Amino acid sequence: MDIQNPIEDLRLAALDAYPGLDCIVRFVSFPEEGPFGETFFPDDGSRPVVQVAVGIPLEGSIEVMAHELAHVVAGHDAGHGPAWEAAFAAIHAAYVARAAAHPEVG
């Protein structure tokens, strides 16, 4: 059995773009109205924690996870500024490149 796992593909793509990327990713329940994802930077300097909502479609989960991983790359104070935009674009490009290099299982 072969399973194409887009979440794993995104994890690997993010590591392609940023080999030193280190965080914890959790899939959690949020209230129905959101948020759909969030990133925490612990005060003790330990690994950032990315949380992605479980109640959204898989395609949305991929987008939210990429969004939150870009926050990890850009850093705590980057917001959605240029550093975050560059990180999100790089992760997205790596995800698209990985998908093109590894066609769907079938």
PDB file of N, CA and C in Angstrom:
ATOM      1  N   MET A   1       0.842  -1.171   0.000  1.00  0.00           N
ATOM      2  CA  MET A   1       0.000   0.000   0.000  1.00  0.00           C
ATOM      3  C   MET A   1       0.892   1.240   0.000  1.00  0.00           C
ATOM      4  N   ASP A   2       0.573   2.166  -0.873  1.00  0.00           N
ATOM      5  CA  ASP A   2       1.248   3.458  -0.911  1.00  0.00           C
ATOM      6  C   ASP A   2       0.247   4.524  -0.513  1.00  0.00           C
ATOM      7  N   ILE A   3       0.669   5.426   0.343  1.00  0.00           N
ATOM      8  CA  ILE A   3      -0.183   6.533   0.755  1.00  0.00           C
ATOM      9  C   ILE A   3       0.585   7.823   0.512  1.00  0.00           C
ATOM     10  N   GLN A   4      -0.015   8.710  -0.255  1.00  0.00           N
ATOM     11  CA  GLN A   4       0.555  10.034  -0.431  1.00  0.00           C
ATOM     12  C   GLN A   4       0.064  10.884   0.729  1.00  0.00           C
ATOM     13  N   ASN A   5       0.978  11.416   1.507  1.00  0.00           N
ATOM     14  CA  ASN A   5       0.634  12.164   2.706  1.00  0.00           C
ATOM     15  C   ASN A   5       1.050  13.619   2.532  1.00  0.00           C
ATOM     16  N   PRO A   6       0.122  14.508   2.220  1.00  0.00           N
ATOM     17  CA  PRO A   6       0.489  15.894   1.974  1.00  0.00           C
ATOM     18  C   PRO A   6       1.041  16.604   3.206  1.00  0.00           C
ATOM     19  N   ILE A   7       0.677  16.165   4.388  1.00  0.00           N
ATOM     20  CA  ILE A   7       1.236  16.773   5.594  1.00  0.00           C
ATOM     21  C   ILE A   7       2.717  16.434   5.705  1.00  0.00           C
ATOM     22  N   GLU A   8       3.058  15.190   5.455  1.00  0.00           N
ATOM     23  CA  GLU A   8       4.474  14.798   5.453  1.00  0.00           C
ATOM     24  C   GLU A   8       5.217  15.487   4.316  1.00  0.00           C
ATOM     25  N   ASP A   9       4.574  15.603   3.166  1.00  0.00           N
ATOM     26  CA  ASP A   9       5.196  16.316   2.044  1.00  0.00           C
ATOM     27  C   ASP A   9       5.508  17.760   2.430  1.00  0.00           C
ATOM     28  N   LEU A  10       4.588  18.407   3.132  1.00  0.00           N
ATOM     29  CA  LEU A  10       4.826  19.783   3.564  1.00  0.00           C
ATOM     30  C   LEU A  10       5.950  19.841   4.581  1.00  0.00           C
ATOM     31  N   ARG A  11       5.978  18.904   5.518  1.00  0.00           N
ATOM     32  CA  ARG A  11       7.066  18.866   6.511  1.00  0.00           C
ATOM     33  C   ARG A  11       8.416  18.766   5.816  1.00  0.00           C
ATOM     34  N   LEU A  12       8.501  17.852   4.847  1.00  0.00           N
ATOM     35  CA  LEU A  12       9.763  17.671   4.120  1.00  0.00           C
ATOM     36  C   LEU A  12      10.097  18.889   3.266  1.00  0.00           C
ATOM     37  N   ALA A  13       9.086  19.498   2.660  1.00  0.00           N
ATOM     38  CA  ALA A  13       9.318  20.698   1.855  1.00  0.00           C
ATOM     39  C   ALA A  13       9.836  21.850   2.717  1.00  0.00           C
ATOM     40  N   ALA A  14       9.255  22.011   3.907  1.00  0.00           N
ATOM     41  CA  ALA A  14       9.716  23.061   4.812  1.00  0.00           C
ATOM     42  C   ALA A  14      11.166  22.817   5.211  1.00  0.00           C
ATOM     43  N   LEU A  15      11.519  21.546   5.426  1.00  0.00           N
ATOM     44  CA  LEU A  15      12.916  21.220   5.749  1.00  0.00           C
ATOM     45  C   LEU A  15      13.832  21.382   4.544  1.00  0.00           C
ATOM     46  N   ASP A  16      13.299  21.167   3.328  1.00  0.00           N
ATOM     47  CA  ASP A  16      14.089  21.453   2.122  1.00  0.00           C
ATOM     48  C   ASP A  16      14.444  22.935   2.089  1.00  0.00           C
ATOM     49  N   ALA A  17      13.464  23.782   2.362  1.00  0.00           N
ATOM     50  CA  ALA A  17      13.663  25.228   2.300  1.00  0.00           C
ATOM     51  C   ALA A  17      14.469  25.746   3.490  1.00  0.00           C
ATOM     52  N   TYR A  18      14.265  25.149   4.654  1.00  0.00           N
ATOM     53  CA  TYR A  18      14.911  25.598   5.894  1.00  0.00           C
ATOM     54  C   TYR A  18      15.383  24.382   6.679  1.00  0.00           C
ATOM     55  N   PRO A  19      16.569  23.846   6.329  1.00  0.00           N
ATOM     56  CA  PRO A  19      17.036  22.599   6.960  1.00  0.00           C
ATOM     57  C   PRO A  19      17.121  22.643   8.485  1.00  0.00           C
ATOM     58  N   GLY A  20      17.316  23.794   9.059  1.00  0.00           N
ATOM     59  CA  GLY A  20      17.412  23.896  10.512  1.00  0.00           C
ATOM     60  C   GLY A  20      16.080  24.114  11.215  1.00  0.00           C
ATOM     61  N   LEU A  21      14.992  24.101  10.482  1.00  0.00           N
ATOM     62  CA  LEU A  21      13.678  24.357  11.059  1.00  0.00           C
ATOM     63  C   LEU A  21      13.391  23.338  12.162  1.00  0.00           C
ATOM     64  N   ASP A  22      13.029  23.845  13.331  1.00  0.00           N
ATOM     65  CA  ASP A  22      12.792  22.968  14.469  1.00  0.00           C
ATOM     66  C   ASP A  22      11.613  23.500  15.264  1.00  0.00           C
ATOM     67  N   CYS A  23      10.563  22.723  15.325  1.00  0.00           N
ATOM     68  CA  CYS A  23       9.381  23.101  16.095  1.00  0.00           C
ATOM     69  C   CYS A  23       8.560  21.843  16.351  1.00  0.00           C
ATOM     70  N   ILE A  24       7.537  22.011  17.129  1.00  0.00           N
ATOM     71  CA  ILE A  24       6.580  20.939  17.383  1.00  0.00           C
ATOM     72  C   ILE A  24       5.302  21.319  16.649  1.00  0.00           C
ATOM     73  N   VAL A  25       4.727  20.384  15.899  1.00  0.00           N
ATOM     74  CA  VAL A  25       3.453  20.626  15.224  1.00  0.00           C
ATOM     75  C   VAL A  25       2.410  19.717  15.846  1.00  0.00           C
ATOM     76  N   ARG A  26       1.314  20.339  16.267  1.00  0.00           N
ATOM     77  CA  ARG A  26       0.205  19.601  16.869  1.00  0.00           C
ATOM     78  C   ARG A  26      -1.066  19.883  16.084  1.00  0.00           C
ATOM     79  N   PHE A  27      -1.913  18.902  15.982  1.00  0.00           N
ATOM     80  CA  PHE A  27      -3.236  19.067  15.392  1.00  0.00           C
ATOM     81  C   PHE A  27      -4.226  19.020  16.547  1.00  0.00           C
ATOM     82  N   VAL A  28      -4.959  20.117  16.731  1.00  0.00           N
ATOM     83  CA  VAL A  28      -5.789  20.287  17.926  1.00  0.00           C
ATOM     84  C   VAL A  28      -7.197  20.755  17.547  1.00  0.00           C
ATOM     85  N   SER A  29      -8.099  20.627  18.493  1.00  0.00           N
ATOM     86  CA  SER A  29      -9.456  21.146  18.321  1.00  0.00           C
ATOM     87  C   SER A  29      -9.486  22.602  18.758  1.00  0.00           C
ATOM     88  N   PHE A  30     -10.050  23.433  17.904  1.00  0.00           N
ATOM     89  CA  PHE A  30     -10.284  24.839  18.215  1.00  0.00           C
ATOM     90  C   PHE A  30     -11.787  25.069  18.174  1.00  0.00           C
ATOM     91  N   PRO A  31     -12.260  26.188  18.726  1.00  0.00           N
ATOM     92  CA  PRO A  31     -13.680  26.520  18.555  1.00  0.00           C
ATOM     93  C   PRO A  31     -14.024  26.598  17.066  1.00  0.00           C
ATOM     94  N   GLU A  32     -15.271  26.346  16.753  1.00  0.00           N
ATOM     95  CA  GLU A  32     -15.714  26.296  15.360  1.00  0.00           C
ATOM     96  C   GLU A  32     -15.379  27.572  14.589  1.00  0.00           C
ATOM     97  N   GLU A  33     -15.403  28.724  15.249  1.00  0.00           N
ATOM     98  CA  GLU A  33     -15.137  29.991  14.575  1.00  0.00           C
ATOM     99  C   GLU A  33     -13.647  30.307  14.450  1.00  0.00           C
ATOM    100  N   GLY A  34     -12.794  29.415  14.896  1.00  0.00           N
ATOM    101  CA  GLY A  34     -11.355  29.608  14.758  1.00  0.00           C
ATOM    102  C   GLY A  34     -10.732  29.945  16.086  1.00  0.00           C
ATOM    103  N   PRO A  35      -9.438  30.110  16.102  1.00  0.00           N
ATOM    104  CA  PRO A  35      -8.540  30.231  14.951  1.00  0.00           C
ATOM    105  C   PRO A  35      -8.339  28.880  14.267  1.00  0.00           C
ATOM    106  N   PHE A  36      -7.721  28.928  13.103  1.00  0.00           N
ATOM    107  CA  PHE A  36      -7.427  27.693  12.381  1.00  0.00           C
ATOM    108  C   PHE A  36      -5.995  27.236  12.636  1.00  0.00           C
ATOM    109  N   GLY A  37      -5.178  28.129  13.159  1.00  0.00           N
ATOM    110  CA  GLY A  37      -3.813  27.790  13.507  1.00  0.00           C
ATOM    111  C   GLY A  37      -3.210  28.885  14.356  1.00  0.00           C
ATOM    112  N   GLU A  38      -2.164  28.519  15.069  1.00  0.00           N
ATOM    113  CA  GLU A  38      -1.436  29.498  15.866  1.00  0.00           C
ATOM    114  C   GLU A  38      -0.046  28.964  16.165  1.00  0.00           C
ATOM    115  N   THR A  39       0.847  29.885  16.459  1.00  0.00           N
ATOM    116  CA  THR A  39       2.226  29.530  16.781  1.00  0.00           C
ATOM    117  C   THR A  39       2.593  30.169  18.112  1.00  0.00           C
ATOM    118  N   PHE A  40       3.185  29.385  18.985  1.00  0.00           N
ATOM    119  CA  PHE A  40       3.643  29.875  20.278  1.00  0.00           C
ATOM    120  C   PHE A  40       5.161  29.809  20.324  1.00  0.00           C
ATOM    121  N   PHE A  41       5.760  30.849  20.867  1.00  0.00           N
ATOM    122  CA  PHE A  41       7.193  30.881  21.123  1.00  0.00           C
ATOM    123  C   PHE A  41       7.363  30.894  22.635  1.00  0.00           C
ATOM    124  N   PRO A  42       7.694  29.739  23.242  1.00  0.00           N
ATOM    125  CA  PRO A  42       7.796  29.665  24.694  1.00  0.00           C
ATOM    126  C   PRO A  42       8.815  30.652  25.261  1.00  0.00           C
ATOM    127  N   ASP A  43       8.477  31.224  26.407  1.00  0.00           N
ATOM    128  CA  ASP A  43       9.349  32.196  27.072  1.00  0.00           C
ATOM    129  C   ASP A  43      10.701  31.608  27.447  1.00  0.00           C
ATOM    130  N   ASP A  44      10.752  30.284  27.656  1.00  0.00           N
ATOM    131  CA  ASP A  44      12.008  29.659  28.075  1.00  0.00           C
ATOM    132  C   ASP A  44      12.958  29.388  26.908  1.00  0.00           C
ATOM    133  N   GLY A  45      12.559  29.800  25.688  1.00  0.00           N
ATOM    134  CA  GLY A  45      13.431  29.613  24.528  1.00  0.00           C
ATOM    135  C   GLY A  45      13.380  28.224  23.926  1.00  0.00           C
ATOM    136  N   SER A  46      12.513  27.365  24.440  1.00  0.00           N
ATOM    137  CA  SER A  46      12.395  26.029  23.864  1.00  0.00           C
ATOM    138  C   SER A  46      11.720  26.111  22.489  1.00  0.00           C
ATOM    139  N   ARG A  47      11.585  24.972  21.858  1.00  0.00           N
ATOM    140  CA  ARG A  47      11.072  24.916  20.490  1.00  0.00           C
ATOM    141  C   ARG A  47       9.688  25.552  20.375  1.00  0.00           C
ATOM    142  N   PRO A  48       9.483  26.320  19.300  1.00  0.00           N
ATOM    143  CA  PRO A  48       8.147  26.862  19.050  1.00  0.00           C
ATOM    144  C   PRO A  48       7.137  25.729  18.850  1.00  0.00           C
ATOM    145  N   VAL A  49       5.880  26.038  19.137  1.00  0.00           N
ATOM    146  CA  VAL A  49       4.798  25.074  18.986  1.00  0.00           C
ATOM    147  C   VAL A  49       3.799  25.623  17.980  1.00  0.00           C
ATOM    148  N   VAL A  50       3.567  24.847  16.924  1.00  0.00           N
ATOM    149  CA  VAL A  50       2.581  25.171  15.899  1.00  0.00           C
ATOM    150  C   VAL A  50       1.360  24.313  16.176  1.00  0.00           C
ATOM    151  N   GLN A  51       0.189  24.941  16.177  1.00  0.00           N
ATOM    152  CA  GLN A  51      -1.058  24.207  16.355  1.00  0.00           C
ATOM    153  C   GLN A  51      -1.944  24.460  15.148  1.00  0.00           C
ATOM    154  N   VAL A  52      -2.482  23.369  14.588  1.00  0.00           N
ATOM    155  CA  VAL A  52      -3.337  23.427  13.405  1.00  0.00           C
ATOM    156  C   VAL A  52      -4.666  22.780  13.763  1.00  0.00           C
ATOM    157  N   ALA A  53      -5.751  23.417  13.357  1.00  0.00           N
ATOM    158  CA  ALA A  53      -7.083  22.913  13.657  1.00  0.00           C
ATOM    159  C   ALA A  53      -7.354  21.601  12.937  1.00  0.00           C
ATOM    160  N   VAL A  54      -7.985  20.674  13.639  1.00  0.00           N
ATOM    161  CA  VAL A  54      -8.338  19.393  13.039  1.00  0.00           C
ATOM    162  C   VAL A  54      -9.665  19.447  12.296  1.00  0.00           C
ATOM    163  N   GLY A  55     -10.474  20.457  12.533  1.00  0.00           N
ATOM    164  CA  GLY A  55     -11.816  20.495  11.967  1.00  0.00           C
ATOM    165  C   GLY A  55     -11.930  21.176  10.625  1.00  0.00           C
ATOM    166  N   ILE A  56     -10.826  21.334   9.914  1.00  0.00           N
ATOM    167  CA  ILE A  56     -10.857  21.980   8.605  1.00  0.00           C
ATOM    168  C   ILE A  56     -10.457  20.960   7.542  1.00  0.00           C
ATOM    169  N   PRO A  57     -10.824  21.200   6.290  1.00  0.00           N
ATOM    170  CA  PRO A  57     -10.445  20.256   5.226  1.00  0.00           C
ATOM    171  C   PRO A  57      -8.927  20.100   5.136  1.00  0.00           C
ATOM    172  N   LEU A  58      -8.487  18.965   4.646  1.00  0.00           N
ATOM    173  CA  LEU A  58      -7.057  18.667   4.551  1.00  0.00           C
ATOM    174  C   LEU A  58      -6.311  19.756   3.784  1.00  0.00           C
ATOM    175  N   GLU A  59      -6.869  20.210   2.673  1.00  0.00           N
ATOM    176  CA  GLU A  59      -6.213  21.264   1.894  1.00  0.00           C
ATOM    177  C   GLU A  59      -6.011  22.521   2.748  1.00  0.00           C
ATOM    178  N   GLY A  60      -7.000  22.846   3.561  1.00  0.00           N
ATOM    179  CA  GLY A  60      -6.870  23.983   4.464  1.00  0.00           C
ATOM    180  C   GLY A  60      -5.810  23.747   5.519  1.00  0.00           C
ATOM    181  N   SER A  61      -5.718  22.522   6.000  1.00  0.00           N
ATOM    182  CA  SER A  61      -4.700  22.187   6.996  1.00  0.00           C
ATOM    183  C   SER A  61      -3.292  22.413   6.454  1.00  0.00           C
ATOM    184  N   ILE A  62      -3.096  22.067   5.193  1.00  0.00           N
ATOM    185  CA  ILE A  62      -1.781  22.256   4.571  1.00  0.00           C
ATOM    186  C   ILE A  62      -1.456  23.736   4.513  1.00  0.00           C
ATOM    187  N   GLU A  63      -2.411  24.544   4.081  1.00  0.00           N
ATOM    188  CA  GLU A  63      -2.216  25.991   3.984  1.00  0.00           C
ATOM    189  C   GLU A  63      -1.924  26.601   5.356  1.00  0.00           C
ATOM    190  N   VAL A  64      -2.702  26.203   6.350  1.00  0.00           N
ATOM    191  CA  VAL A  64      -2.520  26.740   7.701  1.00  0.00           C
ATOM    192  C   VAL A  64      -1.171  26.307   8.263  1.00  0.00           C
ATOM    193  N   MET A  65      -0.804  25.052   8.072  1.00  0.00           N
ATOM    194  CA  MET A  65       0.481  24.578   8.575  1.00  0.00           C
ATOM    195  C   MET A  65       1.628  25.334   7.921  1.00  0.00           C
ATOM    196  N   ALA A  66       1.563  25.562   6.613  1.00  0.00           N
ATOM    197  CA  ALA A  66       2.605  26.330   5.923  1.00  0.00           C
ATOM    198  C   ALA A  66       2.661  27.752   6.478  1.00  0.00           C
ATOM    199  N   HIS A  67       1.507  28.348   6.700  1.00  0.00           N
ATOM    200  CA  HIS A  67       1.412  29.699   7.261  1.00  0.00           C
ATOM    201  C   HIS A  67       2.113  29.757   8.621  1.00  0.00           C
ATOM    202  N   GLU A  68       1.799  28.800   9.478  1.00  0.00           N
ATOM    203  CA  GLU A  68       2.370  28.792  10.825  1.00  0.00           C
ATOM    204  C   GLU A  68       3.864  28.458  10.813  1.00  0.00           C
ATOM    205  N   LEU A  69       4.277  27.556   9.931  1.00  0.00           N
ATOM    206  CA  LEU A  69       5.717  27.264   9.818  1.00  0.00           C
ATOM    207  C   LEU A  69       6.482  28.510   9.377  1.00  0.00           C
ATOM    208  N   ALA A  70       5.875  29.329   8.528  1.00  0.00           N
ATOM    209  CA  ALA A  70       6.519  30.579   8.120  1.00  0.00           C
ATOM    210  C   ALA A  70       6.700  31.507   9.321  1.00  0.00           C
ATOM    211  N   HIS A  71       5.764  31.470  10.275  1.00  0.00           N
ATOM    212  CA  HIS A  71       5.939  32.258  11.501  1.00  0.00           C
ATOM    213  C   HIS A  71       7.151  31.761  12.288  1.00  0.00           C
ATOM    214  N   VAL A  72       7.335  30.449  12.346  1.00  0.00           N
ATOM    215  CA  VAL A  72       8.499  29.898  13.052  1.00  0.00           C
ATOM    216  C   VAL A  72       9.785  30.381  12.386  1.00  0.00           C
ATOM    217  N   VAL A  73       9.832  30.294  11.066  1.00  0.00           N
ATOM    218  CA  VAL A  73      11.031  30.713  10.329  1.00  0.00           C
ATOM    219  C   VAL A  73      11.292  32.208  10.521  1.00  0.00           C
ATOM    220  N   ALA A  74      10.249  33.012  10.392  1.00  0.00           N
ATOM    221  CA  ALA A  74      10.413  34.467  10.442  1.00  0.00           C
ATOM    222  C   ALA A  74      10.721  34.987  11.845  1.00  0.00           C
ATOM    223  N   GLY A  75      10.244  34.273  12.840  1.00  0.00           N
ATOM    224  CA  GLY A  75      10.525  34.684  14.211  1.00  0.00           C
ATOM    225  C   GLY A  75       9.349  35.351  14.893  1.00  0.00           C
ATOM    226  N   HIS A  76       9.457  35.435  16.193  1.00  0.00           N
ATOM    227  CA  HIS A  76       8.370  35.883  17.065  1.00  0.00           C
ATOM    228  C   HIS A  76       7.813  37.253  16.696  1.00  0.00           C
ATOM    229  N   ASP A  77       8.647  38.209  16.389  1.00  0.00           N
ATOM    230  CA  ASP A  77       8.198  39.584  16.183  1.00  0.00           C
ATOM    231  C   ASP A  77       7.945  39.947  14.729  1.00  0.00           C
ATOM    232  N   ALA A  78       8.020  38.994  13.820  1.00  0.00           N
ATOM    233  CA  ALA A  78       7.921  39.298  12.385  1.00  0.00           C
ATOM    234  C   ALA A  78       6.501  39.597  11.917  1.00  0.00           C
ATOM    235  N   GLY A  79       5.501  39.122  12.650  1.00  0.00           N
ATOM    236  CA  GLY A  79       4.130  39.315  12.189  1.00  0.00           C
ATOM    237  C   GLY A  79       3.953  38.732  10.794  1.00  0.00           C
ATOM    238  N   HIS A  80       3.238  39.463   9.943  1.00  0.00           N
ATOM    239  CA  HIS A  80       3.053  39.052   8.549  1.00  0.00           C
ATOM    240  C   HIS A  80       3.829  39.981   7.624  1.00  0.00           C
ATOM    241  N   GLY A  81       4.972  40.451   8.108  1.00  0.00           N
ATOM    242  CA  GLY A  81       5.811  41.369   7.346  1.00  0.00           C
ATOM    243  C   GLY A  81       6.662  40.654   6.301  1.00  0.00           C
ATOM    244  N   PRO A  82       7.664  41.357   5.775  1.00  0.00           N
ATOM    245  CA  PRO A  82       8.487  40.822   4.687  1.00  0.00           C
ATOM    246  C   PRO A  82       9.194  39.503   5.000  1.00  0.00           C
ATOM    247  N   ALA A  83       9.677  39.337   6.237  1.00  0.00           N
ATOM    248  CA  ALA A  83      10.367  38.086   6.588  1.00  0.00           C
ATOM    249  C   ALA A  83       9.389  36.919   6.553  1.00  0.00           C
ATOM    250  N   TRP A  84       8.173  37.138   7.081  1.00  0.00           N
ATOM    251  CA  TRP A  84       7.166  36.092   7.042  1.00  0.00           C
ATOM    252  C   TRP A  84       6.759  35.791   5.601  1.00  0.00           C
ATOM    253  N   GLU A  85       6.532  36.830   4.795  1.00  0.00           N
ATOM    254  CA  GLU A  85       6.141  36.644   3.400  1.00  0.00           C
ATOM    255  C   GLU A  85       7.186  35.841   2.639  1.00  0.00           C
ATOM    256  N   ALA A  86       8.466  36.149   2.862  1.00  0.00           N
ATOM    257  CA  ALA A  86       9.548  35.423   2.182  1.00  0.00           C
ATOM    258  C   ALA A  86       9.576  33.962   2.626  1.00  0.00           C
ATOM    259  N   ALA A  87       9.389  33.718   3.914  1.00  0.00           N
ATOM    260  CA  ALA A  87       9.402  32.347   4.424  1.00  0.00           C
ATOM    261  C   ALA A  87       8.220  31.558   3.871  1.00  0.00           C
ATOM    262  N   PHE A  88       7.039  32.167   3.859  1.00  0.00           N
ATOM    263  CA  PHE A  88       5.861  31.483   3.331  1.00  0.00           C
ATOM    264  C   PHE A  88       6.062  31.158   1.855  1.00  0.00           C
ATOM    265  N   ALA A  89       6.588  32.106   1.095  1.00  0.00           N
ATOM    266  CA  ALA A  89       6.826  31.873  -0.340  1.00  0.00           C
ATOM    267  C   ALA A  89       7.834  30.751  -0.548  1.00  0.00           C
ATOM    268  N   ALA A  90       8.889  30.711   0.258  1.00  0.00           N
ATOM    269  CA  ALA A  90       9.908  29.669   0.116  1.00  0.00           C
ATOM    270  C   ALA A  90       9.349  28.292   0.465  1.00  0.00           C
ATOM    271  N   ILE A  91       8.562  28.206   1.521  1.00  0.00           N
ATOM    272  CA  ILE A  91       7.954  26.929   1.897  1.00  0.00           C
ATOM    273  C   ILE A  91       6.980  26.478   0.815  1.00  0.00           C
ATOM    274  N   HIS A  92       6.180  27.400   0.316  1.00  0.00           N
ATOM    275  CA  HIS A  92       5.226  27.067  -0.747  1.00  0.00           C
ATOM    276  C   HIS A  92       5.961  26.580  -1.992  1.00  0.00           C
ATOM    277  N   ALA A  93       7.014  27.280  -2.391  1.00  0.00           N
ATOM    278  CA  ALA A  93       7.779  26.884  -3.579  1.00  0.00           C
ATOM    279  C   ALA A  93       8.395  25.500  -3.397  1.00  0.00           C
ATOM    280  N   ALA A  94       8.905  25.216  -2.216  1.00  0.00           N
ATOM    281  CA  ALA A  94       9.496  23.899  -1.952  1.00  0.00           C
ATOM    282  C   ALA A  94       8.427  22.810  -1.985  1.00  0.00           C
ATOM    283  N   TYR A  95       7.230  23.119  -1.503  1.00  0.00           N
ATOM    284  CA  TYR A  95       6.122  22.157  -1.519  1.00  0.00           C
ATOM    285  C   TYR A  95       5.706  21.855  -2.959  1.00  0.00           C
ATOM    286  N   VAL A  96       5.591  22.892  -3.769  1.00  0.00           N
ATOM    287  CA  VAL A  96       5.229  22.710  -5.183  1.00  0.00           C
ATOM    288  C   VAL A  96       6.314  21.915  -5.905  1.00  0.00           C
ATOM    289  N   ALA A  97       7.574  22.228  -5.646  1.00  0.00           N
ATOM    290  CA  ALA A  97       8.686  21.505  -6.283  1.00  0.00           C
ATOM    291  C   ALA A  97       8.694  20.040  -5.870  1.00  0.00           C
ATOM    292  N   ARG A  98       8.443  19.781  -4.607  1.00  0.00           N
ATOM    293  CA  ARG A  98       8.410  18.388  -4.134  1.00  0.00           C
ATOM    294  C   ARG A  98       7.261  17.638  -4.789  1.00  0.00           C
ATOM    295  N   ALA A  99       6.104  18.277  -4.910  1.00  0.00           N
ATOM    296  CA  ALA A  99       4.945  17.635  -5.558  1.00  0.00           C
ATOM    297  C   ALA A  99       5.241  17.337  -7.017  1.00  0.00           C
ATOM    298  N   ALA A 100       5.924  18.255  -7.703  1.00  0.00           N
ATOM    299  CA  ALA A 100       6.252  18.049  -9.121  1.00  0.00           C
ATOM    300  C   ALA A 100       7.266  16.914  -9.292  1.00  0.00           C
ATOM    301  N   ALA A 101       8.167  16.782  -8.330  1.00  0.00           N
ATOM    302  CA  ALA A 101       9.194  15.739  -8.429  1.00  0.00           C
ATOM    303  C   ALA A 101       8.691  14.363  -8.028  1.00  0.00           C
ATOM    304  N   HIS A 102       7.590  14.341  -7.293  1.00  0.00           N
ATOM    305  CA  HIS A 102       7.025  13.068  -6.811  1.00  0.00           C
ATOM    306  C   HIS A 102       5.548  13.015  -7.193  1.00  0.00           C
ATOM    307  N   PRO A 103       5.244  12.593  -8.401  1.00  0.00           N
ATOM    308  CA  PRO A 103       3.843  12.570  -8.833  1.00  0.00           C
ATOM    309  C   PRO A 103       2.994  11.688  -7.915  1.00  0.00           C
ATOM    310  N   GLU A 104       1.718  11.921  -7.982  1.00  0.00           N
ATOM    311  CA  GLU A 104       0.774  11.206  -7.123  1.00  0.00           C
ATOM    312  C   GLU A 104       0.950   9.688  -7.231  1.00  0.00           C
ATOM    313  N   VAL A 105       0.719   9.063  -6.097  1.00  0.00           N
ATOM    314  CA  VAL A 105       0.733   7.590  -6.062  1.00  0.00           C
ATOM    315  C   VAL A 105      -0.450   7.106  -6.865  1.00  0.00           C
ATOM    316  N   GLY A 106      -0.249   6.090  -7.636  1.00  0.00           N
ATOM    317  CA  GLY A 106      -1.386   5.598  -8.382  1.00  0.00           C
ATOM    318  C   GLY A 106      -0.964   4.666  -9.399  1.00  0.00           C
TER     319      GLY A 106
END
